C-alpha cells in the first residue's frame, strides 16, 4: 500500500512512507508477555539488539520523515525493530 500510494501521489508532491515498529514495550505487550509463555524469550532471542523497543525509539525515524532531509524519499518502509527483520 505504501509503495502504491507513493507512486500514485508523487506527481502531486505527496510523499508516502511507513515506519515498521518491532516489538515495542507497551502496556499491551507487557500483558501479552504475562499471558503468552515464552514470548519475551523468543523476542529477545530474535532481536539482535537484545531488548524490546521503547516508544522513543521510533522518534528518530518519524523526525527524519517529517523533515526536509526526506524530501526526496517516498515509498520507503523503515524498520525500527532492533534488527528483528534482519534475522529473516
C-alpha atoms as a PDB file:
ATOM      1  CA  UNK A   1       0.000   0.000   0.000  1.00  0.00           C
ATOM      2  CA  UNK A   2       2.829   2.398   0.855  1.00  0.00           C
ATOM      3  CA  UNK A   3       4.536   1.866  -2.488  1.00  0.00           C
ATOM      4  CA  UNK A   4       1.289   2.034  -4.447  1.00  0.00           C
ATOM      5  CA  UNK A   5       0.193   5.295  -2.837  1.00  0.00           C
ATOM      6  CA  UNK A   6       3.702   6.728  -3.142  1.00  0.00           C
ATOM      7  CA  UNK A   7       3.638   6.123  -6.891  1.00  0.00           C
ATOM      8  CA  UNK A   8       0.104   7.449  -7.295  1.00  0.00           C
ATOM      9  CA  UNK A   9       0.618  10.647  -5.310  1.00  0.00           C
ATOM     10  CA  UNK A  10       4.229  11.526  -6.175  1.00  0.00           C
ATOM     11  CA  UNK A  11       3.088  13.708  -9.072  1.00  0.00           C
ATOM     12  CA  UNK A  12       1.249  15.849  -6.514  1.00  0.00           C
ATOM     13  CA  UNK A  13       4.402  16.110  -4.381  1.00  0.00           C
ATOM     14  CA  UNK A  14       2.871  13.914  -1.689  1.00  0.00           C
ATOM     15  CA  UNK A  15       5.249  11.509  -0.014  1.00  0.00           C
ATOM     16  CA  UNK A  16       4.044   8.224   1.439  1.00  0.00           C
ATOM     17  CA  UNK A  17       6.351   6.283   3.729  1.00  0.00           C
ATOM     18  CA  UNK A  18       5.950   3.820   6.580  1.00  0.00           C
ATOM     19  CA  UNK A  19       7.628   3.165   9.888  1.00  0.00           C
ATOM     20  CA  UNK A  20       7.632  -0.540  10.753  1.00  0.00           C
ATOM     21  CA  UNK A  21       7.908  -0.823  14.522  1.00  0.00           C
ATOM     22  CA  UNK A  22       9.239  -4.001  16.011  1.00  0.00           C
ATOM     23  CA  UNK A  23       8.334  -5.357  19.408  1.00  0.00           C
ATOM     24  CA  UNK A  24       7.763  -2.222  21.480  1.00  0.00           C
ATOM     25  CA  UNK A  25       7.401  -2.256  25.261  1.00  0.00           C
ATOM     26  CA  UNK A  26       3.856  -1.031  25.874  1.00  0.00           C
ATOM     27  CA  UNK A  27       1.068  -1.817  28.279  1.00  0.00           C
ATOM     28  CA  UNK A  28      -0.393  -4.185  25.670  1.00  0.00           C
ATOM     29  CA  UNK A  29       2.863  -6.073  25.047  1.00  0.00           C
ATOM     30  CA  UNK A  30       3.571  -6.321  28.772  1.00  0.00           C
ATOM     31  CA  UNK A  31       0.173  -8.007  29.166  1.00  0.00           C
ATOM     32  CA  UNK A  32       0.986 -10.318  26.250  1.00  0.00           C
ATOM     33  CA  UNK A  33       4.266 -11.306  27.898  1.00  0.00           C
ATOM     34  CA  UNK A  34       2.384 -12.247  31.053  1.00  0.00           C
ATOM     35  CA  UNK A  35      -0.143 -14.310  29.067  1.00  0.00           C
ATOM     36  CA  UNK A  36       1.990 -15.923  26.364  1.00  0.00           C
ATOM     37  CA  UNK A  37       4.586 -18.266  27.747  1.00  0.00           C
ATOM     38  CA  UNK A  38       7.980 -17.803  26.119  1.00  0.00           C
ATOM     39  CA  UNK A  39       7.078 -14.620  24.220  1.00  0.00           C
ATOM     40  CA  UNK A  40       9.673 -12.461  25.950  1.00  0.00           C
ATOM     41  CA  UNK A  41      12.440 -15.005  25.438  1.00  0.00           C
ATOM     42  CA  UNK A  42      11.502 -15.563  21.778  1.00  0.00           C
ATOM     43  CA  UNK A  43      11.502 -11.838  21.006  1.00  0.00           C
ATOM     44  CA  UNK A  44      14.824 -11.264  22.748  1.00  0.00           C
ATOM     45  CA  UNK A  45      16.407 -14.288  21.041  1.00  0.00           C
ATOM     46  CA  UNK A  46      15.479 -12.991  17.589  1.00  0.00           C
ATOM     47  CA  UNK A  47      16.277  -9.320  18.214  1.00  0.00           C
ATOM     48  CA  UNK A  48      19.999  -8.657  17.654  1.00  0.00           C
ATOM     49  CA  UNK A  49      19.914  -5.620  19.941  1.00  0.00           C
ATOM     50  CA  UNK A  50      18.714  -7.931  22.726  1.00  0.00           C
ATOM     51  CA  UNK A  51      15.921  -5.756  24.071  1.00  0.00           C
ATOM     52  CA  UNK A  52      12.356  -4.662  23.495  1.00  0.00           C
ATOM     53  CA  UNK A  53      11.986  -1.301  21.825  1.00  0.00           C
ATOM     54  CA  UNK A  54      10.625   1.777  23.529  1.00  0.00           C
ATOM     55  CA  UNK A  55       8.212   4.284  22.015  1.00  0.00           C
ATOM     56  CA  UNK A  56      11.028   6.844  21.968  1.00  0.00           C
ATOM     57  CA  UNK A  57      12.998   4.575  19.618  1.00  0.00           C
ATOM     58  CA  UNK A  58      10.524   5.470  16.851  1.00  0.00           C
ATOM     59  CA  UNK A  59      11.092   9.209  17.183  1.00  0.00           C
ATOM     60  CA  UNK A  60      14.225   9.415  15.020  1.00  0.00           C
ATOM     61  CA  UNK A  61      12.571   7.786  12.021  1.00  0.00           C
ATOM     62  CA  UNK A  62       9.473   9.952  12.467  1.00  0.00           C
ATOM     63  CA  UNK A  63      11.549  13.140  12.668  1.00  0.00           C
ATOM     64  CA  UNK A  64      13.512  12.147   9.572  1.00  0.00           C
ATOM     65  CA  UNK A  65      10.350  11.508   7.569  1.00  0.00           C
ATOM     66  CA  UNK A  66       8.735  14.721   8.829  1.00  0.00           C
ATOM     67  CA  UNK A  67      11.729  16.901   7.984  1.00  0.00           C
ATOM     68  CA  UNK A  68      13.416  18.292   4.912  1.00  0.00           C
ATOM     69  CA  UNK A  69      16.071  15.545   4.963  1.00  0.00           C
ATOM     70  CA  UNK A  70      13.468  13.173   3.496  1.00  0.00           C
ATOM     71  CA  UNK A  71      12.088  15.491   0.799  1.00  0.00           C
ATOM     72  CA  UNK A  72      13.077  13.019  -1.942  1.00  0.00           C
ATOM     73  CA  UNK A  73      12.032   9.888  -0.053  1.00  0.00           C
ATOM     74  CA  UNK A  74       8.772   8.181  -0.958  1.00  0.00           C
ATOM     75  CA  UNK A  75       7.624   4.587  -0.958  1.00  0.00           C
ATOM     76  CA  UNK A  76      10.045   3.667   1.831  1.00  0.00           C
ATOM     77  CA  UNK A  77       9.322   1.292   4.684  1.00  0.00           C
ATOM     78  CA  UNK A  78      11.754   1.856   7.543  1.00  0.00           C
ATOM     79  CA  UNK A  79      12.016  -0.938  10.109  1.00  0.00           C
ATOM     80  CA  UNK A  80      12.676   0.279  13.643  1.00  0.00           C
ATOM     81  CA  UNK A  81      12.943  -3.105  15.253  1.00  0.00           C
ATOM     82  CA  UNK A  82      16.374  -3.634  16.771  1.00  0.00           C
ATOM     83  CA  UNK A  83      17.344  -5.852  13.838  1.00  0.00           C
ATOM     84  CA  UNK A  84      14.383  -8.255  14.179  1.00  0.00           C
ATOM     85  CA  UNK A  85      13.573  -8.156  10.444  1.00  0.00           C
ATOM     86  CA  UNK A  86      17.232  -8.595   9.504  1.00  0.00           C
ATOM     87  CA  UNK A  87      17.198 -12.006  11.155  1.00  0.00           C
ATOM     88  CA  UNK A  88      14.895 -13.294   8.400  1.00  0.00           C
END
